[in-house]
Amino acid sequence: VSNKVKQGFCQVGVECYGGGIWNTWF
């Protein structure tokens, strides 16, 4: 269930798969 709305933005809920270096996704 990925539908997210916040501060007037449509966003997509995501789950972290594996041990990523997550700051590189910014």
mmCIF file of all heavy atoms, coordinates in Angstrom:
data_MODEL
# 
_entry.id   MODEL 
# 
loop_
_atom_site.group_PDB 
_atom_site.id 
_atom_site.type_symbol 
_atom_site.label_atom_id 
_atom_site.label_alt_id 
_atom_site.label_comp_id 
_atom_site.label_asym_id 
_atom_site.label_entity_id 
_atom_site.label_seq_id 
_atom_site.pdbx_PDB_ins_code 
_atom_site.Cartn_x 
_atom_site.Cartn_y 
_atom_site.Cartn_z 
_atom_site.occupancy 
_atom_site.B_iso_or_equiv 
_atom_site.pdbx_formal_charge 
_atom_site.auth_seq_id 
_atom_site.auth_comp_id 
_atom_site.auth_asym_id 
_atom_site.auth_atom_id 
_atom_site.pdbx_PDB_model_num 
ATOM 1   N N   . VAL A 1 1  ? 0.889  -1.169 0.000  1.00 0.00 ? 1  VAL A N   1 
ATOM 2   C CA  . VAL A 1 1  ? 0.000  0.000  0.000  1.00 0.00 ? 1  VAL A CA  1 
ATOM 3   C C   . VAL A 1 1  ? 0.921  1.211  0.000  1.00 0.00 ? 1  VAL A C   1 
ATOM 4   O O   . VAL A 1 1  ? 1.549  1.512  1.017  1.00 0.00 ? 1  VAL A O   1 
ATOM 5   C CB  . VAL A 1 1  ? -0.939 0.014  1.216  1.00 0.00 ? 1  VAL A CB  1 
ATOM 6   C CG1 . VAL A 1 1  ? -1.853 1.239  1.163  1.00 0.00 ? 1  VAL A CG1 1 
ATOM 7   C CG2 . VAL A 1 1  ? -1.767 -1.270 1.281  1.00 0.00 ? 1  VAL A CG2 1 
ATOM 8   N N   . SER A 1 2  ? 1.016  1.888  -1.111 1.00 0.00 ? 2  SER A N   1 
ATOM 9   C CA  . SER A 1 2  ? 2.062  2.907  -1.267 1.00 0.00 ? 2  SER A CA  1 
ATOM 10  C C   . SER A 1 2  ? 1.548  4.326  -1.409 1.00 0.00 ? 2  SER A C   1 
ATOM 11  O O   . SER A 1 2  ? 2.340  5.265  -1.512 1.00 0.00 ? 2  SER A O   1 
ATOM 12  C CB  . SER A 1 2  ? 2.916  2.571  -2.495 1.00 0.00 ? 2  SER A CB  1 
ATOM 13  O OG  . SER A 1 2  ? 2.172  2.763  -3.690 1.00 0.00 ? 2  SER A OG  1 
ATOM 14  N N   . ASN A 1 3  ? 0.235  4.519  -1.422 1.00 0.00 ? 3  ASN A N   1 
ATOM 15  C CA  . ASN A 1 3  ? -0.317 5.858  -1.648 1.00 0.00 ? 3  ASN A CA  1 
ATOM 16  C C   . ASN A 1 3  ? -0.061 6.753  -0.439 1.00 0.00 ? 3  ASN A C   1 
ATOM 17  O O   . ASN A 1 3  ? -0.530 6.467  0.674  1.00 0.00 ? 3  ASN A O   1 
ATOM 18  C CB  . ASN A 1 3  ? -1.812 5.761  -1.940 1.00 0.00 ? 3  ASN A CB  1 
ATOM 19  C CG  . ASN A 1 3  ? -2.379 7.075  -2.447 1.00 0.00 ? 3  ASN A CG  1 
ATOM 20  O OD1 . ASN A 1 3  ? -1.632 7.939  -2.898 1.00 0.00 ? 3  ASN A OD1 1 
ATOM 21  N ND2 . ASN A 1 3  ? -3.688 7.234  -2.373 1.00 0.00 ? 3  ASN A ND2 1 
ATOM 22  N N   . LYS A 1 4  ? 0.692  7.819  -0.631 1.00 0.00 ? 4  LYS A N   1 
ATOM 23  C CA  . LYS A 1 4  ? 0.984  8.760  0.443  1.00 0.00 ? 4  LYS A CA  1 
ATOM 24  C C   . LYS A 1 4  ? 0.784  10.185 -0.062 1.00 0.00 ? 4  LYS A C   1 
ATOM 25  O O   . LYS A 1 4  ? 1.177  10.513 -1.182 1.00 0.00 ? 4  LYS A O   1 
ATOM 26  C CB  . LYS A 1 4  ? 2.421  8.601  0.939  1.00 0.00 ? 4  LYS A CB  1 
ATOM 27  C CG  . LYS A 1 4  ? 2.674  7.337  1.744  1.00 0.00 ? 4  LYS A CG  1 
ATOM 28  C CD  . LYS A 1 4  ? 3.994  7.439  2.499  1.00 0.00 ? 4  LYS A CD  1 
ATOM 29  C CE  . LYS A 1 4  ? 4.125  6.302  3.504  1.00 0.00 ? 4  LYS A CE  1 
ATOM 30  N NZ  . LYS A 1 4  ? 5.245  6.533  4.442  1.00 0.00 ? 4  LYS A NZ  1 
ATOM 31  N N   . VAL A 1 5  ? 0.188  11.000 0.779  1.00 0.00 ? 5  VAL A N   1 
ATOM 32  C CA  . VAL A 1 5  ? -0.003 12.414 0.456  1.00 0.00 ? 5  VAL A CA  1 
ATOM 33  C C   . VAL A 1 5  ? 0.442  13.232 1.657  1.00 0.00 ? 5  VAL A C   1 
ATOM 34  O O   . VAL A 1 5  ? 0.008  12.988 2.786  1.00 0.00 ? 5  VAL A O   1 
ATOM 35  C CB  . VAL A 1 5  ? -1.475 12.729 0.114  1.00 0.00 ? 5  VAL A CB  1 
ATOM 36  C CG1 . VAL A 1 5  ? -1.671 14.228 -0.081 1.00 0.00 ? 5  VAL A CG1 1 
ATOM 37  C CG2 . VAL A 1 5  ? -1.911 11.967 -1.117 1.00 0.00 ? 5  VAL A CG2 1 
ATOM 38  N N   . LYS A 1 6  ? 1.344  14.209 1.427  1.00 0.00 ? 6  LYS A N   1 
ATOM 39  C CA  . LYS A 1 6  ? 1.841  15.026 2.531  1.00 0.00 ? 6  LYS A CA  1 
ATOM 40  C C   . LYS A 1 6  ? 2.267  16.391 2.000  1.00 0.00 ? 6  LYS A C   1 
ATOM 41  O O   . LYS A 1 6  ? 2.986  16.466 0.997  1.00 0.00 ? 6  LYS A O   1 
ATOM 42  C CB  . LYS A 1 6  ? 3.026  14.332 3.208  1.00 0.00 ? 6  LYS A CB  1 
ATOM 43  C CG  . LYS A 1 6  ? 3.408  14.930 4.550  1.00 0.00 ? 6  LYS A CG  1 
ATOM 44  C CD  . LYS A 1 6  ? 4.444  14.053 5.252  1.00 0.00 ? 6  LYS A CD  1 
ATOM 45  C CE  . LYS A 1 6  ? 4.752  14.591 6.644  1.00 0.00 ? 6  LYS A CE  1 
ATOM 46  N NZ  . LYS A 1 6  ? 5.755  13.753 7.347  1.00 0.00 ? 6  LYS A NZ  1 
ATOM 47  N N   . GLN A 1 7  ? 1.828  17.426 2.670  1.00 0.00 ? 7  GLN A N   1 
ATOM 48  C CA  . GLN A 1 7  ? 2.196  18.800 2.319  1.00 0.00 ? 7  GLN A CA  1 
ATOM 49  C C   . GLN A 1 7  ? 1.948  19.114 0.846  1.00 0.00 ? 7  GLN A C   1 
ATOM 50  O O   . GLN A 1 7  ? 2.696  19.857 0.219  1.00 0.00 ? 7  GLN A O   1 
ATOM 51  C CB  . GLN A 1 7  ? 3.664  19.055 2.650  1.00 0.00 ? 7  GLN A CB  1 
ATOM 52  C CG  . GLN A 1 7  ? 4.036  18.912 4.107  1.00 0.00 ? 7  GLN A CG  1 
ATOM 53  C CD  . GLN A 1 7  ? 3.266  19.872 5.003  1.00 0.00 ? 7  GLN A CD  1 
ATOM 54  O OE1 . GLN A 1 7  ? 2.585  19.469 5.925  1.00 0.00 ? 7  GLN A OE1 1 
ATOM 55  N NE2 . GLN A 1 7  ? 3.378  21.160 4.722  1.00 0.00 ? 7  GLN A NE2 1 
ATOM 56  N N   . GLY A 1 8  ? 0.861  18.549 0.322  1.00 0.00 ? 8  GLY A N   1 
ATOM 57  C CA  . GLY A 1 8  ? 0.503  18.842 -1.060 1.00 0.00 ? 8  GLY A CA  1 
ATOM 58  C C   . GLY A 1 8  ? 1.284  18.068 -2.102 1.00 0.00 ? 8  GLY A C   1 
ATOM 59  O O   . GLY A 1 8  ? 1.217  18.388 -3.293 1.00 0.00 ? 8  GLY A O   1 
ATOM 60  N N   . PHE A 1 9  ? 2.028  17.028 -1.678 1.00 0.00 ? 9  PHE A N   1 
ATOM 61  C CA  . PHE A 1 9  ? 2.789  16.204 -2.605 1.00 0.00 ? 9  PHE A CA  1 
ATOM 62  C C   . PHE A 1 9  ? 2.256  14.784 -2.632 1.00 0.00 ? 9  PHE A C   1 
ATOM 63  O O   . PHE A 1 9  ? 1.919  14.220 -1.582 1.00 0.00 ? 9  PHE A O   1 
ATOM 64  C CB  . PHE A 1 9  ? 4.269  16.170 -2.215 1.00 0.00 ? 9  PHE A CB  1 
ATOM 65  C CG  . PHE A 1 9  ? 5.013  17.441 -2.501 1.00 0.00 ? 9  PHE A CG  1 
ATOM 66  C CD1 . PHE A 1 9  ? 5.145  18.417 -1.518 1.00 0.00 ? 9  PHE A CD1 1 
ATOM 67  C CD2 . PHE A 1 9  ? 5.564  17.669 -3.752 1.00 0.00 ? 9  PHE A CD2 1 
ATOM 68  C CE1 . PHE A 1 9  ? 5.830  19.594 -1.782 1.00 0.00 ? 9  PHE A CE1 1 
ATOM 69  C CE2 . PHE A 1 9  ? 6.251  18.836 -4.021 1.00 0.00 ? 9  PHE A CE2 1 
ATOM 70  C CZ  . PHE A 1 9  ? 6.383  19.810 -3.029 1.00 0.00 ? 9  PHE A CZ  1 
ATOM 71  N N   . CYS A 1 10 ? 2.174  14.222 -3.820 1.00 0.00 ? 10 CYS A N   1 
ATOM 72  C CA  . CYS A 1 10 ? 1.888  12.801 -3.976 1.00 0.00 ? 10 CYS A CA  1 
ATOM 73  C C   . CYS A 1 10 ? 3.211  12.053 -3.854 1.00 0.00 ? 10 CYS A C   1 
ATOM 74  O O   . CYS A 1 10 ? 4.154  12.326 -4.604 1.00 0.00 ? 10 CYS A O   1 
ATOM 75  C CB  . CYS A 1 10 ? 1.269  12.515 -5.343 1.00 0.00 ? 10 CYS A CB  1 
ATOM 76  S SG  . CYS A 1 10 ? -0.263 13.393 -5.672 1.00 0.00 ? 10 CYS A SG  1 
ATOM 77  N N   . GLN A 1 11 ? 3.282  11.113 -2.927 1.00 0.00 ? 11 GLN A N   1 
ATOM 78  C CA  . GLN A 1 11 ? 4.503  10.357 -2.698 1.00 0.00 ? 11 GLN A CA  1 
ATOM 79  C C   . GLN A 1 11 ? 4.228  8.861  -2.802 1.00 0.00 ? 11 GLN A C   1 
ATOM 80  O O   . GLN A 1 11 ? 3.072  8.424  -2.769 1.00 0.00 ? 11 GLN A O   1 
ATOM 81  C CB  . GLN A 1 11 ? 5.081  10.689 -1.322 1.00 0.00 ? 11 GLN A CB  1 
ATOM 82  C CG  . GLN A 1 11 ? 5.554  12.133 -1.185 1.00 0.00 ? 11 GLN A CG  1 
ATOM 83  C CD  . GLN A 1 11 ? 6.162  12.405 0.180  1.00 0.00 ? 11 GLN A CD  1 
ATOM 84  O OE1 . GLN A 1 11 ? 5.458  12.740 1.122  1.00 0.00 ? 11 GLN A OE1 1 
ATOM 85  N NE2 . GLN A 1 11 ? 7.475  12.254 0.284  1.00 0.00 ? 11 GLN A NE2 1 
ATOM 86  N N   . VAL A 1 12 ? 5.303  8.098  -2.912 1.00 0.00 ? 12 VAL A N   1 
ATOM 87  C CA  . VAL A 1 12 ? 5.196  6.645  -3.047 1.00 0.00 ? 12 VAL A CA  1 
ATOM 88  C C   . VAL A 1 12 ? 5.890  6.009  -1.849 1.00 0.00 ? 12 VAL A C   1 
ATOM 89  O O   . VAL A 1 12 ? 7.094  6.213  -1.632 1.00 0.00 ? 12 VAL A O   1 
ATOM 90  C CB  . VAL A 1 12 ? 5.842  6.152  -4.359 1.00 0.00 ? 12 VAL A CB  1 
ATOM 91  C CG1 . VAL A 1 12 ? 5.739  4.628  -4.460 1.00 0.00 ? 12 VAL A CG1 1 
ATOM 92  C CG2 . VAL A 1 12 ? 5.183  6.812  -5.563 1.00 0.00 ? 12 VAL A CG2 1 
ATOM 93  N N   . GLY A 1 13 ? 5.147  5.241  -1.067 1.00 0.00 ? 13 GLY A N   1 
ATOM 94  C CA  . GLY A 1 13 ? 5.743  4.536  0.062  1.00 0.00 ? 13 GLY A CA  1 
ATOM 95  C C   . GLY A 1 13 ? 6.649  3.419  -0.411 1.00 0.00 ? 13 GLY A C   1 
ATOM 96  O O   . GLY A 1 13 ? 6.264  2.618  -1.262 1.00 0.00 ? 13 GLY A O   1 
ATOM 97  N N   . VAL A 1 14 ? 7.865  3.375  0.115  1.00 0.00 ? 14 VAL A N   1 
ATOM 98  C CA  . VAL A 1 14 ? 8.828  2.366  -0.312 1.00 0.00 ? 14 VAL A CA  1 
ATOM 99  C C   . VAL A 1 14 ? 9.423  1.645  0.895  1.00 0.00 ? 14 VAL A C   1 
ATOM 100 O O   . VAL A 1 14 ? 9.422  2.156  2.014  1.00 0.00 ? 14 VAL A O   1 
ATOM 101 C CB  . VAL A 1 14 ? 9.974  2.988  -1.150 1.00 0.00 ? 14 VAL A CB  1 
ATOM 102 C CG1 . VAL A 1 14 ? 9.441  3.535  -2.458 1.00 0.00 ? 14 VAL A CG1 1 
ATOM 103 C CG2 . VAL A 1 14 ? 10.710 4.071  -0.366 1.00 0.00 ? 14 VAL A CG2 1 
ATOM 104 N N   . GLU A 1 15 ? 9.921  0.446  0.633  1.00 0.00 ? 15 GLU A N   1 
ATOM 105 C CA  . GLU A 1 15 ? 10.550 -0.402 1.643  1.00 0.00 ? 15 GLU A CA  1 
ATOM 106 C C   . GLU A 1 15 ? 12.009 -0.611 1.257  1.00 0.00 ? 15 GLU A C   1 
ATOM 107 O O   . GLU A 1 15 ? 12.335 -0.748 0.076  1.00 0.00 ? 15 GLU A O   1 
ATOM 108 C CB  . GLU A 1 15 ? 9.819  -1.746 1.688  1.00 0.00 ? 15 GLU A CB  1 
ATOM 109 C CG  . GLU A 1 15 ? 10.267 -2.684 2.780  1.00 0.00 ? 15 GLU A CG  1 
ATOM 110 C CD  . GLU A 1 15 ? 9.440  -3.961 2.819  1.00 0.00 ? 15 GLU A CD  1 
ATOM 111 O OE1 . GLU A 1 15 ? 8.691  -4.226 1.843  1.00 0.00 ? 15 GLU A OE1 1 
ATOM 112 O OE2 . GLU A 1 15 ? 9.551  -4.709 3.801  1.00 0.00 ? 15 GLU A OE2 1 
ATOM 113 N N   . CYS A 1 16 ? 12.881 -0.625 2.257  1.00 0.00 ? 16 CYS A N   1 
ATOM 114 C CA  . CYS A 1 16 ? 14.297 -0.863 1.993  1.00 0.00 ? 16 CYS A CA  1 
ATOM 115 C C   . CYS A 1 16 ? 14.545 -2.356 1.792  1.00 0.00 ? 16 CYS A C   1 
ATOM 116 O O   . CYS A 1 16 ? 14.242 -3.165 2.663  1.00 0.00 ? 16 CYS A O   1 
ATOM 117 C CB  . CYS A 1 16 ? 15.147 -0.355 3.159  1.00 0.00 ? 16 CYS A CB  1 
ATOM 118 S SG  . CYS A 1 16 ? 15.062 1.423  3.401  1.00 0.00 ? 16 CYS A SG  1 
ATOM 119 N N   . TYR A 1 17 ? 15.095 -2.705 0.637  1.00 0.00 ? 17 TYR A N   1 
ATOM 120 C CA  . TYR A 1 17 ? 15.418 -4.090 0.323  1.00 0.00 ? 17 TYR A CA  1 
ATOM 121 C C   . TYR A 1 17 ? 16.928 -4.254 0.395  1.00 0.00 ? 17 TYR A C   1 
ATOM 122 O O   . TYR A 1 17 ? 17.677 -3.645 -0.377 1.00 0.00 ? 17 TYR A O   1 
ATOM 123 C CB  . TYR A 1 17 ? 14.911 -4.448 -1.079 1.00 0.00 ? 17 TYR A CB  1 
ATOM 124 C CG  . TYR A 1 17 ? 15.275 -5.856 -1.520 1.00 0.00 ? 17 TYR A CG  1 
ATOM 125 C CD1 . TYR A 1 17 ? 14.458 -6.932 -1.205 1.00 0.00 ? 17 TYR A CD1 1 
ATOM 126 C CD2 . TYR A 1 17 ? 16.450 -6.099 -2.234 1.00 0.00 ? 17 TYR A CD2 1 
ATOM 127 C CE1 . TYR A 1 17 ? 14.789 -8.225 -1.602 1.00 0.00 ? 17 TYR A CE1 1 
ATOM 128 C CE2 . TYR A 1 17 ? 16.790 -7.380 -2.632 1.00 0.00 ? 17 TYR A CE2 1 
ATOM 129 C CZ  . TYR A 1 17 ? 15.959 -8.441 -2.314 1.00 0.00 ? 17 TYR A CZ  1 
ATOM 130 O OH  . TYR A 1 17 ? 16.297 -9.715 -2.699 1.00 0.00 ? 17 TYR A OH  1 
ATOM 131 N N   . GLY A 1 18 ? 17.385 -5.070 1.325  1.00 0.00 ? 18 GLY A N   1 
ATOM 132 C CA  . GLY A 1 18 ? 18.817 -5.315 1.460  1.00 0.00 ? 18 GLY A CA  1 
ATOM 133 C C   . GLY A 1 18 ? 19.520 -4.192 2.199  1.00 0.00 ? 18 GLY A C   1 
ATOM 134 O O   . GLY A 1 18 ? 18.910 -3.287 2.756  1.00 0.00 ? 18 GLY A O   1 
ATOM 135 N N   . GLY A 1 19 ? 20.844 -4.257 2.195  1.00 0.00 ? 19 GLY A N   1 
ATOM 136 C CA  . GLY A 1 19 ? 21.662 -3.307 2.949  1.00 0.00 ? 19 GLY A CA  1 
ATOM 137 C C   . GLY A 1 19 ? 22.241 -2.238 2.062  1.00 0.00 ? 19 GLY A C   1 
ATOM 138 O O   . GLY A 1 19 ? 23.467 -2.190 1.837  1.00 0.00 ? 19 GLY A O   1 
ATOM 139 N N   . GLY A 1 20 ? 21.417 -1.355 1.558  1.00 0.00 ? 20 GLY A N   1 
ATOM 140 C CA  . GLY A 1 20 ? 21.880 -0.311 0.657  1.00 0.00 ? 20 GLY A CA  1 
ATOM 141 C C   . GLY A 1 20 ? 22.560 0.841  1.378  1.00 0.00 ? 20 GLY A C   1 
ATOM 142 O O   . GLY A 1 20 ? 22.351 1.052  2.576  1.00 0.00 ? 20 GLY A O   1 
ATOM 143 N N   . ILE A 1 21 ? 23.394 1.579  0.653  1.00 0.00 ? 21 ILE A N   1 
ATOM 144 C CA  . ILE A 1 21 ? 23.906 2.861  1.149  1.00 0.00 ? 21 ILE A CA  1 
ATOM 145 C C   . ILE A 1 21 ? 22.838 3.886  0.792  1.00 0.00 ? 21 ILE A C   1 
ATOM 146 O O   . ILE A 1 21 ? 22.849 4.489  -0.284 1.00 0.00 ? 21 ILE A O   1 
ATOM 147 C CB  . ILE A 1 21 ? 25.266 3.211  0.515  1.00 0.00 ? 21 ILE A CB  1 
ATOM 148 C CG1 . ILE A 1 21 ? 26.266 2.081  0.722  1.00 0.00 ? 21 ILE A CG1 1 
ATOM 149 C CG2 . ILE A 1 21 ? 25.812 4.513  1.107  1.00 0.00 ? 21 ILE A CG2 1 
ATOM 150 C CD1 . ILE A 1 21 ? 27.619 2.325  0.048  1.00 0.00 ? 21 ILE A CD1 1 
ATOM 151 N N   . TRP A 1 22 ? 21.888 4.075  1.688  1.00 0.00 ? 22 TRP A N   1 
ATOM 152 C CA  . TRP A 1 22 ? 20.652 4.762  1.332  1.00 0.00 ? 22 TRP A CA  1 
ATOM 153 C C   . TRP A 1 22 ? 20.845 6.245  1.059  1.00 0.00 ? 22 TRP A C   1 
ATOM 154 O O   . TRP A 1 22 ? 20.053 6.832  0.306  1.00 0.00 ? 22 TRP A O   1 
ATOM 155 C CB  . TRP A 1 22 ? 19.601 4.531  2.406  1.00 0.00 ? 22 TRP A CB  1 
ATOM 156 C CG  . TRP A 1 22 ? 19.312 3.080  2.613  1.00 0.00 ? 22 TRP A CG  1 
ATOM 157 C CD1 . TRP A 1 22 ? 19.458 2.362  3.763  1.00 0.00 ? 22 TRP A CD1 1 
ATOM 158 C CD2 . TRP A 1 22 ? 18.854 2.136  1.622  1.00 0.00 ? 22 TRP A CD2 1 
ATOM 159 N NE1 . TRP A 1 22 ? 19.121 1.041  3.555  1.00 0.00 ? 22 TRP A NE1 1 
ATOM 160 C CE2 . TRP A 1 22 ? 18.747 0.873  2.256  1.00 0.00 ? 22 TRP A CE2 1 
ATOM 161 C CE3 . TRP A 1 22 ? 18.536 2.242  0.269  1.00 0.00 ? 22 TRP A CE3 1 
ATOM 162 C CZ2 . TRP A 1 22 ? 18.331 -0.274 1.571  1.00 0.00 ? 22 TRP A CZ2 1 
ATOM 163 C CZ3 . TRP A 1 22 ? 18.129 1.105  -0.411 1.00 0.00 ? 22 TRP A CZ3 1 
ATOM 164 C CH2 . TRP A 1 22 ? 18.023 -0.137 0.242  1.00 0.00 ? 22 TRP A CH2 1 
ATOM 165 N N   . ASN A 1 23 ? 21.879 6.870  1.625  1.00 0.00 ? 23 ASN A N   1 
ATOM 166 C CA  . ASN A 1 23 ? 22.047 8.298  1.331  1.00 0.00 ? 23 ASN A CA  1 
ATOM 167 C C   . ASN A 1 23 ? 22.421 8.541  -0.129 1.00 0.00 ? 23 ASN A C   1 
ATOM 168 O O   . ASN A 1 23 ? 22.280 9.649  -0.634 1.00 0.00 ? 23 ASN A O   1 
ATOM 169 C CB  . ASN A 1 23 ? 23.070 8.952  2.273  1.00 0.00 ? 23 ASN A CB  1 
ATOM 170 C CG  . ASN A 1 23 ? 24.429 8.305  2.236  1.00 0.00 ? 23 ASN A CG  1 
ATOM 171 O OD1 . ASN A 1 23 ? 24.796 7.649  1.281  1.00 0.00 ? 23 ASN A OD1 1 
ATOM 172 N ND2 . ASN A 1 23 ? 25.190 8.486  3.312  1.00 0.00 ? 23 ASN A ND2 1 
ATOM 173 N N   . THR A 1 24 ? 22.886 7.483  -0.844 1.00 0.00 ? 24 THR A N   1 
ATOM 174 C CA  . THR A 1 24 ? 23.207 7.663  -2.267 1.00 0.00 ? 24 THR A CA  1 
ATOM 175 C C   . THR A 1 24 ? 21.950 7.725  -3.132 1.00 0.00 ? 24 THR A C   1 
ATOM 176 O O   . THR A 1 24 ? 22.042 8.051  -4.323 1.00 0.00 ? 24 THR A O   1 
ATOM 177 C CB  . THR A 1 24 ? 24.115 6.530  -2.779 1.00 0.00 ? 24 THR A CB  1 
ATOM 178 O OG1 . THR A 1 24 ? 23.426 5.277  -2.709 1.00 0.00 ? 24 THR A OG1 1 
ATOM 179 C CG2 . THR A 1 24 ? 25.400 6.451  -1.966 1.00 0.00 ? 24 THR A CG2 1 
ATOM 180 N N   . TRP A 1 25 ? 20.797 7.424  -2.565 1.00 0.00 ? 25 TRP A N   1 
ATOM 181 C CA  . TRP A 1 25 ? 19.551 7.474  -3.326 1.00 0.00 ? 25 TRP A CA  1 
ATOM 182 C C   . TRP A 1 25 ? 18.941 8.868  -3.342 1.00 0.00 ? 25 TRP A C   1 
ATOM 183 O O   . TRP A 1 25 ? 17.963 9.111  -4.058 1.00 0.00 ? 25 TRP A O   1 
ATOM 184 C CB  . TRP A 1 25 ? 18.546 6.462  -2.756 1.00 0.00 ? 25 TRP A CB  1 
ATOM 185 C CG  . TRP A 1 25 ? 18.923 5.057  -3.106 1.00 0.00 ? 25 TRP A CG  1 
ATOM 186 C CD1 . TRP A 1 25 ? 19.950 4.330  -2.586 1.00 0.00 ? 25 TRP A CD1 1 
ATOM 187 C CD2 . TRP A 1 25 ? 18.292 4.219  -4.071 1.00 0.00 ? 25 TRP A CD2 1 
ATOM 188 N NE1 . TRP A 1 25 ? 20.004 3.080  -3.165 1.00 0.00 ? 25 TRP A NE1 1 
ATOM 189 C CE2 . TRP A 1 25 ? 18.993 2.983  -4.074 1.00 0.00 ? 25 TRP A CE2 1 
ATOM 190 C CE3 . TRP A 1 25 ? 17.208 4.385  -4.926 1.00 0.00 ? 25 TRP A CE3 1 
ATOM 191 C CZ2 . TRP A 1 25 ? 18.632 1.925  -4.917 1.00 0.00 ? 25 TRP A CZ2 1 
ATOM 192 C CZ3 . TRP A 1 25 ? 16.846 3.329  -5.759 1.00 0.00 ? 25 TRP A CZ3 1 
ATOM 193 C CH2 . TRP A 1 25 ? 17.557 2.124  -5.749 1.00 0.00 ? 25 TRP A CH2 1 
ATOM 194 N N   . PHE A 1 26 ? 19.512 9.789  -2.558 1.00 0.00 ? 26 PHE A N   1 
ATOM 195 C CA  . PHE A 1 26 ? 19.006 11.151 -2.552 1.00 0.00 ? 26 PHE A CA  1 
ATOM 196 C C   . PHE A 1 26 ? 19.469 11.896 -3.810 1.00 0.00 ? 26 PHE A C   1 
ATOM 197 O O   . PHE A 1 26 ? 20.579 11.698 -4.307 1.00 0.00 ? 26 PHE A O   1 
ATOM 198 C CB  . PHE A 1 26 ? 19.495 11.898 -1.308 1.00 0.00 ? 26 PHE A CB  1 
ATOM 199 C CG  . PHE A 1 26 ? 18.745 11.535 -0.056 1.00 0.00 ? 26 PHE A CG  1 
ATOM 200 C CD1 . PHE A 1 26 ? 18.920 10.298 0.551  1.00 0.00 ? 26 PHE A CD1 1 
ATOM 201 C CD2 . PHE A 1 26 ? 17.855 12.429 0.519  1.00 0.00 ? 26 PHE A CD2 1 
ATOM 202 C CE1 . PHE A 1 26 ? 18.229 9.959  1.703  1.00 0.00 ? 26 PHE A CE1 1 
ATOM 203 C CE2 . PHE A 1 26 ? 17.160 12.093 1.676  1.00 0.00 ? 26 PHE A CE2 1 
ATOM 204 C CZ  . PHE A 1 26 ? 17.345 10.864 2.265  1.00 0.00 ? 26 PHE A CZ  1 
# 
